[in-house]
PDB file of N, CA and C in Angstrom:
ATOM      1  N   MET A   1       0.790  -1.409   0.149  1.00  0.00           N
ATOM      2  CA  MET A   1       0.125   0.013   0.014  1.00  0.00           C
ATOM      3  C   MET A   1       0.674   1.394  -0.187  1.00  0.00           C
ATOM      4  N   LYS A   2       0.348   1.974  -0.938  1.00  0.00           N
ATOM      5  CA  LYS A   2       1.467   3.484  -1.223  1.00  0.00           C
ATOM      6  C   LYS A   2       1.075   4.606  -0.261  1.00  0.00           C
ATOM      7  N   PRO A   3       1.701   4.952   0.626  1.00  0.00           N
ATOM      8  CA  PRO A   3       1.337   5.971   1.418  1.00  0.00           C
ATOM      9  C   PRO A   3       0.846   7.531   0.637  1.00  0.00           C
ATOM     10  N   PRO A   4      -0.485   8.232   0.955  1.00  0.00           N
ATOM     11  CA  PRO A   4      -0.874   8.946   0.177  1.00  0.00           C
ATOM     12  C   PRO A   4       0.327  10.213  -0.133  1.00  0.00           C
ATOM     13  N   LYS A   5      -0.013  10.740  -0.970  1.00  0.00           N
ATOM     14  CA  LYS A   5       0.860  11.846  -1.335  1.00  0.00           C
ATOM     15  C   LYS A   5       0.867  13.076  -0.793  1.00  0.00           C
ATOM     16  N   GLN A   6       1.918  13.221  -0.598  1.00  0.00           N
ATOM     17  CA  GLN A   6       1.913  14.738   0.214  1.00  0.00           C
ATOM     18  C   GLN A   6       2.142  15.997  -0.704  1.00  0.00           C
ATOM     19  N   SER A   7       1.021  16.784  -0.495  1.00  0.00           N
ATOM     20  CA  SER A   7       1.390  17.909  -2.021  1.00  0.00           C
ATOM     21  C   SER A   7       2.096  18.825  -1.067  1.00  0.00           C
ATOM     22  N   SER A   8       2.984  19.474  -2.081  1.00  0.00           N
ATOM     23  CA  SER A   8       3.936  21.159  -1.973  1.00  0.00           C
ATOM     24  C   SER A   8       3.222  22.154  -1.303  1.00  0.00           C
ATOM     25  N   GLN A   9       2.156  22.580  -0.855  1.00  0.00           N
ATOM     26  CA  GLN A   9       1.445  23.658  -0.974  1.00  0.00           C
ATOM     27  C   GLN A   9       1.149  23.030   0.564  1.00  0.00           C
ATOM     28  N   PRO A  10       1.157  24.210   1.555  1.00  0.00           N
ATOM     29  CA  PRO A  10       1.120  24.536   2.643  1.00  0.00           C
ATOM     30  C   PRO A  10      -0.827  23.980   2.725  1.00  0.00           C
ATOM     31  N   SER A  11      -1.065  23.611   3.927  1.00  0.00           N
ATOM     32  CA  SER A  11      -2.228  23.602   4.160  1.00  0.00           C
ATOM     33  C   SER A  11      -3.131  24.594   4.150  1.00  0.00           C
ATOM     34  N   PRO A  12      -4.734  25.044   4.311  1.00  0.00           N
ATOM     35  CA  PRO A  12      -4.817  26.790   4.932  1.00  0.00           C
ATOM     36  C   PRO A  12      -4.697  26.634   6.147  1.00  0.00           C
ATOM     37  N   GLU A  13      -4.596  25.890   6.912  1.00  0.00           N
ATOM     38  CA  GLU A  13      -4.553  26.253   8.470  1.00  0.00           C
ATOM     39  C   GLU A  13      -3.263  26.952   8.510  1.00  0.00           C
ATOM     40  N   GLU A  14      -1.821  26.049   7.367  1.00  0.00           N
ATOM     41  CA  GLU A  14      -0.280  26.747   7.469  1.00  0.00           C
ATOM     42  C   GLU A  14      -0.732  28.054   7.458  1.00  0.00           C
ATOM     43  N   ASN A  15      -1.723  28.515   6.189  1.00  0.00           N
ATOM     44  CA  ASN A  15      -1.552  29.691   5.254  1.00  0.00           C
ATOM     45  C   ASN A  15      -1.857  30.981   6.435  1.00  0.00           C
ATOM     46  N   GLN A  16      -2.829  30.135   7.085  1.00  0.00           N
ATOM     47  CA  GLN A  16      -3.313  31.724   8.137  1.00  0.00           C
ATOM     48  C   GLN A  16      -2.523  31.934   9.373  1.00  0.00           C
ATOM     49  N   GLU A  17      -1.416  31.404   9.227  1.00  0.00           N
ATOM     50  CA  GLU A  17      -0.944  31.027  10.771  1.00  0.00           C
ATOM     51  C   GLU A  17      -0.328  32.793  10.448  1.00  0.00           C
ATOM     52  N   PRO A  18       0.713  32.934   9.334  1.00  0.00           N
ATOM     53  CA  PRO A  18       1.956  34.115   9.295  1.00  0.00           C
ATOM     54  C   PRO A  18       0.633  35.509   9.506  1.00  0.00           C
ATOM     55  N   ASP A  19      -0.599  35.105   8.782  1.00  0.00           N
ATOM     56  CA  ASP A  19      -1.293  36.533   8.665  1.00  0.00           C
ATOM     57  C   ASP A  19      -1.870  36.672  10.448  1.00  0.00           C
ATOM     58  N   PHE A  20      -2.310  35.401  10.831  1.00  0.00           N
ATOM     59  CA  PHE A  20      -2.504  35.477  12.153  1.00  0.00           C
ATOM     60  C   PHE A  20      -1.335  36.401  13.106  1.00  0.00           C
ATOM     61  N   GLU A  21      -0.152  35.810  13.197  1.00  0.00           N
ATOM     62  CA  GLU A  21       0.786  36.534  13.172  1.00  0.00           C
ATOM     63  C   GLU A  21       1.164  37.955  13.336  1.00  0.00           C
ATOM     64  N   GLN A  22       1.054  38.246  11.792  1.00  0.00           N
ATOM     65  CA  GLN A  22       1.049  39.686  11.704  1.00  0.00           C
ATOM     66  C   GLN A  22       0.233  40.406  12.068  1.00  0.00           C
ATOM     67  N   GLU A  23      -1.294  40.108  11.940  1.00  0.00           N
ATOM     68  CA  GLU A  23      -2.070  40.780  12.646  1.00  0.00           C
ATOM     69  C   GLU A  23      -2.048  41.035  14.594  1.00  0.00           C
ATOM     70  N   LEU A  24      -1.700  40.066  14.679  1.00  0.00           N
ATOM     71  CA  LEU A  24      -1.299  39.705  16.287  1.00  0.00           C
ATOM     72  C   LEU A  24      -0.179  41.107  16.589  1.00  0.00           C
ATOM     73  N   GLU A  25       1.015  41.100  15.722  1.00  0.00           N
ATOM     74  CA  GLU A  25       2.213  41.938  16.229  1.00  0.00           C
ATOM     75  C   GLU A  25       1.273  43.329  15.808  1.00  0.00           C
ATOM     76  N   ASP A  26       0.344  43.299  14.391  1.00  0.00           N
ATOM     77  CA  ASP A  26      -0.302  44.851  14.459  1.00  0.00           C
ATOM     78  C   ASP A  26      -1.107  44.988  15.176  1.00  0.00           C
ATOM     79  N   LEU A  27      -1.584  44.440  15.806  1.00  0.00           N
ATOM     80  CA  LEU A  27      -2.549  44.583  17.279  1.00  0.00           C
ATOM     81  C   LEU A  27      -1.764  44.762  18.516  1.00  0.00           C
ATOM     82  N   GLU A  28      -0.332  44.524  18.720  1.00  0.00           N
ATOM     83  CA  GLU A  28       0.478  44.605  20.063  1.00  0.00           C
ATOM     84  C   GLU A  28       1.266  46.295  19.739  1.00  0.00           C
ATOM     85  N   ARG A  29       1.389  46.337  18.363  1.00  0.00           N
ATOM     86  CA  ARG A  29       1.848  48.176  17.908  1.00  0.00           C
ATOM     87  C   ARG A  29       0.987  48.741  18.400  1.00  0.00           C
ATOM     88  N   SER A  30      -0.042  48.651  17.695  1.00  0.00           N
ATOM     89  CA  SER A  30      -1.579  49.214  18.141  1.00  0.00           C
ATOM     90  C   SER A  30      -1.456  49.629  19.770  1.00  0.00           C
ATOM     91  N   LEU A  31      -1.438  48.737  20.297  1.00  0.00           N
ATOM     92  CA  LEU A  31      -1.726  48.840  21.853  1.00  0.00           C
ATOM     93  C   LEU A  31      -0.718  49.962  22.579  1.00  0.00           C
ATOM     94  N   VAL A  32       0.564  49.254  22.216  1.00  0.00           N
ATOM     95  CA  VAL A  32       1.759  49.919  22.668  1.00  0.00           C
ATOM     96  C   VAL A  32       1.694  51.701  22.198  1.00  0.00           C
ATOM     97  N   PHE A  33       1.432  51.742  20.638  1.00  0.00           N
ATOM     98  CA  PHE A  33       0.520  53.397  20.466  1.00  0.00           C
ATOM     99  C   PHE A  33      -0.348  54.345  21.519  1.00  0.00           C
ATOM    100  N   LEU A  34      -1.779  53.097  21.505  1.00  0.00           N
ATOM    101  CA  LEU A  34      -2.450  53.805  22.456  1.00  0.00           C
ATOM    102  C   LEU A  34      -2.328  53.915  23.977  1.00  0.00           C
ATOM    103  N   LYS A  35      -1.070  53.377  24.489  1.00  0.00           N
ATOM    104  CA  LYS A  35      -0.777  53.159  25.608  1.00  0.00           C
ATOM    105  C   LYS A  35       0.130  54.925  25.707  1.00  0.00           C
ATOM    106  N   GLU A  36       0.888  54.836  24.781  1.00  0.00           N
ATOM    107  CA  GLU A  36       2.165  55.836  24.891  1.00  0.00           C
ATOM    108  C   GLU A  36       1.087  57.401  24.754  1.00  0.00           C
ATOM    109  N   ARG A  37       0.201  57.032  23.786  1.00  0.00           N
ATOM    110  CA  ARG A  37      -0.809  58.158  23.328  1.00  0.00           C
ATOM    111  C   ARG A  37      -1.966  58.511  24.758  1.00  0.00           C
ATOM    112  N   TYR A  38      -1.993  57.658  25.421  1.00  0.00           N
ATOM    113  CA  TYR A  38      -3.267  57.602  26.892  1.00  0.00           C
ATOM    114  C   TYR A  38      -1.880  58.409  28.144  1.00  0.00           C
ATOM    115  N   HIS A  39      -0.578  58.296  28.648  1.00  0.00           N
ATOM    116  CA  HIS A  39       0.063  58.738  29.002  1.00  0.00           C
ATOM    117  C   HIS A  39       0.240  60.139  28.634  1.00  0.00           C
ATOM    118  N   GLN A  40       0.427  60.537  27.400  1.00  0.00           N
ATOM    119  CA  GLN A  40       0.932  61.435  26.895  1.00  0.00           C
ATOM    120  C   GLN A  40      -0.401  62.369  27.614  1.00  0.00           C
ATOM    121  N   ILE A  41      -1.513  62.182  27.007  1.00  0.00           N
ATOM    122  CA  ILE A  41      -2.782  63.218  27.267  1.00  0.00           C
ATOM    123  C   ILE A  41      -3.149  63.499  28.667  1.00  0.00           C
ATOM    124  N   GLN A  42      -2.523  62.298  29.969  1.00  0.00           N
ATOM    125  CA  GLN A  42      -2.682  62.413  30.996  1.00  0.00           C
ATOM    126  C   GLN A  42      -1.599  63.479  31.366  1.00  0.00           C
ATOM    127  N   GLY A  43      -1.030  63.844  30.940  1.00  0.00           N
ATOM    128  CA  GLY A  43       0.235  64.784  31.293  1.00  0.00           C
ATOM    129  C   GLY A  43      -0.270  65.953  30.729  1.00  0.00           C
ATOM    130  N   ASP A  44      -0.534  65.935  29.707  1.00  0.00           N
ATOM    131  CA  ASP A  44      -1.016  67.580  28.836  1.00  0.00           C
ATOM    132  C   ASP A  44      -2.131  67.739  29.927  1.00  0.00           C
ATOM    133  N   ARG A  45      -3.185  67.008  30.081  1.00  0.00           N
ATOM    134  CA  ARG A  45      -4.149  67.170  31.056  1.00  0.00           C
ATOM    135  C   ARG A  45      -3.734  68.434  32.330  1.00  0.00           C
ATOM    136  N   GLN A  46      -2.883  67.324  32.613  1.00  0.00           N
ATOM    137  CA  GLN A  46      -2.184  67.788  34.279  1.00  0.00           C
ATOM    138  C   GLN A  46      -1.685  68.928  34.297  1.00  0.00           C
ATOM    139  N   GLN A  47      -0.829  69.049  32.900  1.00  0.00           N
ATOM    140  CA  GLN A  47      -0.239  70.289  32.655  1.00  0.00           C
ATOM    141  C   GLN A  47      -0.734  71.863  32.269  1.00  0.00           C
ATOM    142  N   GLN A  48      -1.764  70.836  31.414  1.00  0.00           N
ATOM    143  CA  GLN A  48      -3.348  72.050  31.116  1.00  0.00           C
ATOM    144  C   GLN A  48      -3.910  73.044  32.559  1.00  0.00           C
ATOM    145  N   ALA A  49      -4.229  71.932  33.743  1.00  0.00           N
ATOM    146  CA  ALA A  49      -4.233  72.317  34.535  1.00  0.00           C
ATOM    147  C   ALA A  49      -3.626  73.287  35.367  1.00  0.00           C
ATOM    148  N   GLN A  50      -2.569  72.685  35.586  1.00  0.00           N
ATOM    149  CA  GLN A  50      -1.729  73.476  36.496  1.00  0.00           C
ATOM    150  C   GLN A  50      -1.305  75.257  35.719  1.00  0.00           C
ATOM    151  N   TRP A  51      -1.146  74.871  34.365  1.00  0.00           N
ATOM    152  CA  TRP A  51      -1.243  76.383  33.996  1.00  0.00           C
ATOM    153  C   TRP A  51      -2.973  77.130  34.077  1.00  0.00           C
ATOM    154  N   GLN A  52      -3.571  76.866  33.957  1.00  0.00           N
ATOM    155  CA  GLN A  52      -5.172  77.135  33.995  1.00  0.00           C
ATOM    156  C   GLN A  52      -4.753  77.883  35.463  1.00  0.00           C
ATOM    157  N   GLN A  53      -4.284  76.979  36.777  1.00  0.00           N
ATOM    158  CA  GLN A  53      -4.367  77.504  37.733  1.00  0.00           C
ATOM    159  C   GLN A  53      -3.731  79.014  38.243  1.00  0.00           C
ATOM    160  N   ARG A  54      -2.218  78.579  37.686  1.00  0.00           N
ATOM    161  CA  ARG A  54      -1.527  79.897  37.629  1.00  0.00           C
ATOM    162  C   ARG A  54      -1.867  81.158  37.134  1.00  0.00           C
ATOM    163  N   ARG A  55      -2.659  80.810  35.590  1.00  0.00           N
ATOM    164  CA  ARG A  55      -3.663  82.029  35.030  1.00  0.00           C
ATOM    165  C   ARG A  55      -3.965  82.809  36.201  1.00  0.00           C
ATOM    166  N   HIS A  56      -5.112  81.767  36.931  1.00  0.00           N
ATOM    167  CA  HIS A  56      -6.344  82.787  38.109  1.00  0.00           C
ATOM    168  C   HIS A  56      -5.527  83.023  38.626  1.00  0.00           C
ATOM    169  N   GLU A  57      -3.763  82.823  39.063  1.00  0.00           N
ATOM    170  CA  GLU A  57      -3.250  83.101  40.139  1.00  0.00           C
ATOM    171  C   GLU A  57      -3.237  84.705  39.878  1.00  0.00           C
ATOM    172  N   LEU A  58      -2.550  84.523  38.566  1.00  0.00           N
ATOM    173  CA  LEU A  58      -1.935  86.016  37.942  1.00  0.00           C
ATOM    174  C   LEU A  58      -3.184  87.135  37.867  1.00  0.00           C
ATOM    175  N   ASN A  59      -4.413  86.592  37.567  1.00  0.00           N
ATOM    176  CA  ASN A  59      -5.405  87.683  37.383  1.00  0.00           C
ATOM    177  C   ASN A  59      -6.043  87.818  38.279  1.00  0.00           C
ATOM    178  N   GLN A  60      -6.017  87.151  39.539  1.00  0.00           N
ATOM    179  CA  GLN A  60      -6.546  87.715  40.732  1.00  0.00           C
ATOM    180  C   GLN A  60      -5.644  88.787  41.545  1.00  0.00           C
ATOM    181  N   ASN A  61      -4.270  89.246  40.729  1.00  0.00           N
ATOM    182  CA  ASN A  61      -3.202  89.685  41.270  1.00  0.00           C
ATOM    183  C   ASN A  61      -3.987  91.319  40.754  1.00  0.00           C
ATOM    184  N   LYS A  62      -4.069  92.145  41.547  1.00  0.00           N
ATOM    185  CA  LYS A  62      -4.734  93.676  41.232  1.00  0.00           C
ATOM    186  C   LYS A  62      -3.550  94.526  40.364  1.00  0.00           C
ATOM    187  N   HIS A  63      -2.355  94.242  40.734  1.00  0.00           N
ATOM    188  CA  HIS A  63      -1.519  95.074  39.974  1.00  0.00           C
ATOM    189  C   HIS A  63      -0.879  94.178  38.797  1.00  0.00           C
ATOM    190  N   GLN A  64      -1.334  94.716  37.751  1.00  0.00           N
ATOM    191  CA  GLN A  64      -0.981  93.879  36.333  1.00  0.00           C
ATOM    192  C   GLN A  64       0.898  95.017  36.076  1.00  0.00           C
ATOM    193  N   THR A  65       1.706  93.874  36.562  1.00  0.00           N
ATOM    194  CA  THR A  65       2.961  94.482  35.927  1.00  0.00           C
ATOM    195  C   THR A  65       3.323  94.248  34.019  1.00  0.00           C
ATOM    196  N   PRO A  66       4.325  94.766  33.983  1.00  0.00           N
ATOM    197  CA  PRO A  66       4.616  93.914  32.404  1.00  0.00           C
ATOM    198  C   PRO A  66       4.963  92.517  32.523  1.00  0.00           C
ATOM    199  N   GLU A  67       5.755  92.212  33.699  1.00  0.00           N
ATOM    200  CA  GLU A  67       6.261  90.988  33.742  1.00  0.00           C
ATOM    201  C   GLU A  67       4.975  89.754  34.102  1.00  0.00           C
ATOM    202  N   ILE A  68       4.219  90.492  34.319  1.00  0.00           N
ATOM    203  CA  ILE A  68       2.668  89.844  34.944  1.00  0.00           C
ATOM    204  C   ILE A  68       2.207  89.341  33.490  1.00  0.00           C
ATOM    205  N   LYS A  69       2.032  90.438  32.633  1.00  0.00           N
ATOM    206  CA  LYS A  69       1.245  90.626  31.413  1.00  0.00           C
ATOM    207  C   LYS A  69       2.038  89.670  30.905  1.00  0.00           C
ATOM    208  N   ALA A  70       3.580  89.585  30.663  1.00  0.00           N
ATOM    209  CA  ALA A  70       4.320  88.948  29.521  1.00  0.00           C
ATOM    210  C   ALA A  70       4.030  87.199  29.908  1.00  0.00           C
ATOM    211  N   GLU A  71       3.876  87.080  31.271  1.00  0.00           N
ATOM    212  CA  GLU A  71       3.682  85.507  32.169  1.00  0.00           C
ATOM    213  C   GLU A  71       2.503  85.121  31.340  1.00  0.00           C
ATOM    214  N   LEU A  72       1.239  85.649  31.863  1.00  0.00           N
ATOM    215  CA  LEU A  72      -0.098  85.701  31.128  1.00  0.00           C
ATOM    216  C   LEU A  72      -0.173  85.255  29.814  1.00  0.00           C
ATOM    217  N   GLN A  73       0.947  85.891  28.677  1.00  0.00           N
ATOM    218  CA  GLN A  73       0.724  85.645  27.255  1.00  0.00           C
ATOM    219  C   GLN A  73       1.334  84.574  27.313  1.00  0.00           C
ATOM    220  N   HIS A  74       2.432  84.325  27.956  1.00  0.00           N
ATOM    221  CA  HIS A  74       3.007  82.715  27.707  1.00  0.00           C
ATOM    222  C   HIS A  74       2.008  81.573  28.179  1.00  0.00           C
ATOM    223  N   ILE A  75       1.618  81.955  28.991  1.00  0.00           N
ATOM    224  CA  ILE A  75       1.006  81.106  29.331  1.00  0.00           C
ATOM    225  C   ILE A  75      -0.363  80.494  28.588  1.00  0.00           C
ATOM    226  N   LYS A  76      -0.775  81.831  28.172  1.00  0.00           N
ATOM    227  CA  LYS A  76      -1.918  81.709  26.585  1.00  0.00           C
ATOM    228  C   LYS A  76      -1.656  80.989  25.449  1.00  0.00           C
ATOM    229  N   GLN A  77      -0.276  81.458  25.359  1.00  0.00           N
ATOM    230  CA  GLN A  77       0.440  79.882  24.417  1.00  0.00           C
ATOM    231  C   GLN A  77       0.542  78.847  24.560  1.00  0.00           C
ATOM    232  N   GLN A  78       0.952  78.847  25.784  1.00  0.00           N
ATOM    233  CA  GLN A  78       0.931  77.267  26.388  1.00  0.00           C
ATOM    234  C   GLN A  78      -0.386  76.342  26.347  1.00  0.00           C
ATOM    235  N   LEU A  79      -0.998  76.885  26.818  1.00  0.00           N
ATOM    236  CA  LEU A  79      -2.781  76.552  27.182  1.00  0.00           C
ATOM    237  C   LEU A  79      -3.390  76.041  25.562  1.00  0.00           C
ATOM    238  N   GLU A  80      -2.766  77.147  24.544  1.00  0.00           N
ATOM    239  CA  GLU A  80      -3.010  76.704  22.977  1.00  0.00           C
ATOM    240  C   GLU A  80      -2.495  75.705  22.652  1.00  0.00           C
ATOM    241  N   VAL A  81      -1.125  75.551  22.958  1.00  0.00           N
ATOM    242  CA  VAL A  81      -0.522  74.379  22.422  1.00  0.00           C
ATOM    243  C   VAL A  81      -0.901  73.036  22.895  1.00  0.00           C
ATOM    244  N   LEU A  82      -1.393  72.872  24.355  1.00  0.00           N
ATOM    245  CA  LEU A  82      -1.923  71.663  25.016  1.00  0.00           C
ATOM    246  C   LEU A  82      -3.575  71.507  24.305  1.00  0.00           C
ATOM    247  N   GLU A  83      -3.786  72.796  24.107  1.00  0.00           N
ATOM    248  CA  GLU A  83      -5.309  71.965  23.752  1.00  0.00           C
ATOM    249  C   GLU A  83      -5.461  71.812  22.137  1.00  0.00           C
ATOM    250  N   ILE A  84      -4.491  72.133  21.376  1.00  0.00           N
ATOM    251  CA  ILE A  84      -4.372  71.515  19.731  1.00  0.00           C
ATOM    252  C   ILE A  84      -3.905  69.943  19.975  1.00  0.00           C
ATOM    253  N   ASN A  85      -2.920  69.363  21.296  1.00  0.00           N
ATOM    254  CA  ASN A  85      -2.326  68.665  21.068  1.00  0.00           C
ATOM    255  C   ASN A  85      -3.235  67.277  21.766  1.00  0.00           C
ATOM    256  N   LEU A  86      -4.068  67.879  22.425  1.00  0.00           N
ATOM    257  CA  LEU A  86      -5.665  67.195  23.217  1.00  0.00           C
ATOM    258  C   LEU A  86      -6.208  67.151  22.168  1.00  0.00           C
ATOM    259  N   GLU A  87      -7.186  67.906  21.319  1.00  0.00           N
ATOM    260  CA  GLU A  87      -7.868  68.197  20.277  1.00  0.00           C
ATOM    261  C   GLU A  87      -7.400  66.644  19.230  1.00  0.00           C
ATOM    262  N   SER A  88      -6.256  66.739  18.802  1.00  0.00           N
ATOM    263  CA  SER A  88      -5.763  65.921  17.798  1.00  0.00           C
ATOM    264  C   SER A  88      -6.416  64.428  18.147  1.00  0.00           C
ATOM    265  N   GLN A  89      -5.903  63.914  19.677  1.00  0.00           N
ATOM    266  CA  GLN A  89      -6.385  62.869  20.067  1.00  0.00           C
ATOM    267  C   GLN A  89      -7.666  61.879  19.541  1.00  0.00           C
ATOM    268  N   LEU A  90      -8.333  63.247  19.394  1.00  0.00           N
ATOM    269  CA  LEU A  90     -10.030  62.770  18.608  1.00  0.00           C
ATOM    270  C   LEU A  90      -9.950  62.375  17.785  1.00  0.00           C
ATOM    271  N   PHE A  91      -9.160  62.753  16.392  1.00  0.00           N
ATOM    272  CA  PHE A  91      -9.625  62.998  14.800  1.00  0.00           C
ATOM    273  C   PHE A  91      -7.744  62.347  14.553  1.00  0.00           C
ATOM    274  N   SER A  92      -8.094  61.219  13.949  1.00  0.00           N
ATOM    275  CA  SER A  92      -7.013  60.814  13.080  1.00  0.00           C
ATOM    276  C   SER A  92      -7.388  60.115  11.991  1.00  0.00           C
ATOM    277  N   TRP A  93      -6.480  59.827  10.786  1.00  0.00           N
ATOM    278  CA  TRP A  93      -6.785  59.252   9.775  1.00  0.00           C
ATOM    279  C   TRP A  93      -7.105  57.875   9.827  1.00  0.00           C
ATOM    280  N   ARG A  94      -6.043  57.369  10.933  1.00  0.00           N
ATOM    281  CA  ARG A  94      -6.078  56.020  10.858  1.00  0.00           C
ATOM    282  C   ARG A  94      -7.279  55.833  11.757  1.00  0.00           C
ATOM    283  N   SER A  95      -7.956  56.231  12.904  1.00  0.00           N
ATOM    284  CA  SER A  95      -9.055  56.315  13.063  1.00  0.00           C
ATOM    285  C   SER A  95     -10.604  56.342  12.236  1.00  0.00           C
ATOM    286  N   LEU A  96     -10.063  57.199  11.086  1.00  0.00           N
ATOM    287  CA  LEU A  96     -11.312  57.250  10.435  1.00  0.00           C
ATOM    288  C   LEU A  96     -11.483  56.328   9.252  1.00  0.00           C
ATOM    289  N   LYS A  97     -10.309  55.824   9.247  1.00  0.00           N
ATOM    290  CA  LYS A  97     -10.537  55.054   7.749  1.00  0.00           C
ATOM    291  C   LYS A  97     -11.239  53.910   7.795  1.00  0.00           C
ATOM    292  N   LYS A  98     -11.522  52.725   8.768  1.00  0.00           N
ATOM    293  CA  LYS A  98     -12.525  51.980   8.954  1.00  0.00           C
ATOM    294  C   LYS A  98     -14.393  52.678   8.324  1.00  0.00           C
ATOM    295  N   PRO A  99     -14.584  53.289   9.106  1.00  0.00           N
ATOM    296  CA  PRO A  99     -15.975  54.051   8.699  1.00  0.00           C
ATOM    297  C   PRO A  99     -16.321  54.779   7.640  1.00  0.00           C
ATOM    298  N   PHE A 100     -15.055  55.375   6.945  1.00  0.00           N
ATOM    299  CA  PHE A 100     -14.972  56.021   5.931  1.00  0.00           C
ATOM    300  C   PHE A 100     -15.064  55.027   4.751  1.00  0.00           C
ATOM    301  N   TRP A 101     -14.369  54.028   5.026  1.00  0.00           N
ATOM    302  CA  TRP A 101     -14.517  53.093   3.540  1.00  0.00           C
ATOM    303  C   TRP A 101     -15.549  52.318   3.661  1.00  0.00           C
ATOM    304  N   GLN A 102     -16.690  52.288   5.174  1.00  0.00           N
ATOM    305  CA  GLN A 102     -17.941  51.783   5.138  1.00  0.00           C
ATOM    306  C   GLN A 102     -19.146  52.462   4.394  1.00  0.00           C
ATOM    307  N   ILE A 103     -18.516  53.706   4.720  1.00  0.00           N
ATOM    308  CA  ILE A 103     -19.723  54.989   4.234  1.00  0.00           C
ATOM    309  C   ILE A 103     -19.601  54.719   2.638  1.00  0.00           C
ATOM    310  N   VAL A 104     -18.528  54.805   2.390  1.00  0.00           N
ATOM    311  CA  VAL A 104     -18.288  54.918   0.645  1.00  0.00           C
ATOM    312  C   VAL A 104     -18.807  53.380  -0.293  1.00  0.00           C
ATOM    313  N   ARG A 105     -18.640  52.094   0.790  1.00  0.00           N
ATOM    314  CA  ARG A 105     -18.943  50.831   0.285  1.00  0.00           C
ATOM    315  C   ARG A 105     -20.605  51.678   0.461  1.00  0.00           C
ATOM    316  N   PHE A 106     -21.099  51.338   1.518  1.00  0.00           N
ATOM    317  CA  PHE A 106     -22.463  51.330   1.388  1.00  0.00           C
ATOM    318  C   PHE A 106     -23.293  52.472   0.566  1.00  0.00           C
ATOM    319  N   GLY A 107     -22.389  53.546   0.760  1.00  0.00           N
ATOM    320  CA  GLY A 107     -23.335  54.762   0.349  1.00  0.00           C
ATOM    321  C   GLY A 107     -23.353  54.337  -1.074  1.00  0.00           C
ATOM    322  N   GLY A 108     -22.242  54.053  -1.755  1.00  0.00           N
ATOM    323  CA  GLY A 108     -22.376  53.747  -3.384  1.00  0.00           C
ATOM    324  C   GLY A 108     -23.315  52.614  -3.800  1.00  0.00           C
ATOM    325  N   MET A 109     -23.641  51.683  -2.636  1.00  0.00           N
ATOM    326  CA  MET A 109     -24.362  50.769  -2.936  1.00  0.00           C
ATOM    327  C   MET A 109     -25.803  51.122  -2.978  1.00  0.00           C
ATOM    328  N   GLY A 110     -25.962  52.103  -2.200  1.00  0.00           N
ATOM    329  CA  GLY A 110     -27.465  52.586  -1.876  1.00  0.00           C
ATOM    330  C   GLY A 110     -27.695  53.347  -3.334  1.00  0.00           C
ATOM    331  N   VAL A 111     -26.878  54.252  -3.889  1.00  0.00           N
ATOM    332  CA  VAL A 111     -26.855  55.049  -5.053  1.00  0.00           C
ATOM    333  C   VAL A 111     -27.430  53.878  -6.018  1.00  0.00           C
ATOM    334  N   ILE A 112     -26.160  52.998  -6.152  1.00  0.00           N
ATOM    335  CA  ILE A 112     -26.773  52.236  -7.325  1.00  0.00           C
ATOM    336  C   ILE A 112     -28.072  51.221  -7.092  1.00  0.00           C
ATOM    337  N   ILE A 113     -28.749  50.858  -5.813  1.00  0.00           N
ATOM    338  CA  ILE A 113     -29.918  50.330  -5.881  1.00  0.00           C
ATOM    339  C   ILE A 113     -31.456  51.422  -5.846  1.00  0.00           C
ATOM    340  N   GLY A 114     -30.920  52.629  -5.582  1.00  0.00           N
ATOM    341  CA  GLY A 114     -31.655  53.780  -5.975  1.00  0.00           C
ATOM    342  C   GLY A 114     -32.146  53.743  -7.677  1.00  0.00           C
ATOM    343  N   TRP A 115     -30.986  53.743  -8.399  1.00  0.00           N
ATOM    344  CA  TRP A 115     -30.713  53.807  -9.627  1.00  0.00           C
ATOM    345  C   TRP A 115     -31.769  52.726 -10.544  1.00  0.00           C
ATOM    346  N   ILE A 116     -31.571  51.641 -10.047  1.00  0.00           N
ATOM    347  CA  ILE A 116     -31.915  50.241 -10.381  1.00  0.00           C
ATOM    348  C   ILE A 116     -33.543  50.670  -9.785  1.00  0.00           C
ATOM    349  N   LEU A 117     -33.859  51.014  -8.945  1.00  0.00           N
ATOM    350  CA  LEU A 117     -35.234  51.447  -8.477  1.00  0.00           C
ATOM    351  C   LEU A 117     -36.079  52.459  -9.322  1.00  0.00           C
ATOM    352  N   LYS A 118     -35.362  53.533  -9.695  1.00  0.00           N
ATOM    353  CA  LYS A 118     -35.728  54.382 -10.221  1.00  0.00           C
ATOM    354  C   LYS A 118     -35.964  53.771 -11.907  1.00  0.00           C
ATOM    355  N   SER A 119     -34.831  53.251 -12.627  1.00  0.00           N
ATOM    356  CA  SER A 119     -35.273  52.793 -13.373  1.00  0.00           C
ATOM    357  C   SER A 119     -36.435  51.593 -13.789  1.00  0.00           C
ATOM    358  N   CYS A 120     -36.728  51.114 -12.602  1.00  0.00           N
ATOM    359  CA  CYS A 120     -37.689  49.783 -12.776  1.00  0.00           C
ATOM    360  C   CYS A 120     -39.229  50.675 -12.596  1.00  0.00           C
ATOM    361  N   VAL A 121     -39.334  51.970 -11.891  1.00  0.00           N
ATOM    362  CA  VAL A 121     -40.444  52.630 -11.339  1.00  0.00           C
ATOM    363  C   VAL A 121     -41.222  53.356 -12.742  1.00  0.00           C
ATOM    364  N   GLY A 122     -39.548  54.261 -12.915  1.00  0.00           N
ATOM    365  CA  GLY A 122     -39.584  55.252 -14.134  1.00  0.00           C
ATOM    366  C   GLY A 122     -40.398  54.966 -15.323  1.00  0.00           C
TER     367      GLY A 122
END
C-alpha cells in the first residue's frame, strides 16, 4: 500500500498562521501606541490644569505689571499648544479609515440600488 502523496502546498491552516501572527503584531503595536498616547494625554491634561491655575492666580493680582502680562501671554500660548495636542487625540485618519470606507461602500450601493429602483418604476 502506497502512502498518500503529500502536496507541496501548505494546508489552509498553515497559510493562516502567518496572517494571524502579522495581525497579532499589528495589534500589539497599536496597543503600545495607544498606551503611549494615553500617558501623553494624561500628562497634557495635568499640565493644562497647572497652567490654568497659574493664570487664575495671576489674574487675581490687582497690580498688572509688565512681567505679569508677559507671563500671562506665555501661559496663553502654552494652553493653546496643549489644547491642540488634546484635540488631536480625537481625530486621525487611522481612526476614521474603517468608517470612511464603510460609508463609501454602503453609500455607493445605496446609489446603485436607487438607480435600479428608479429605472424599474420610471
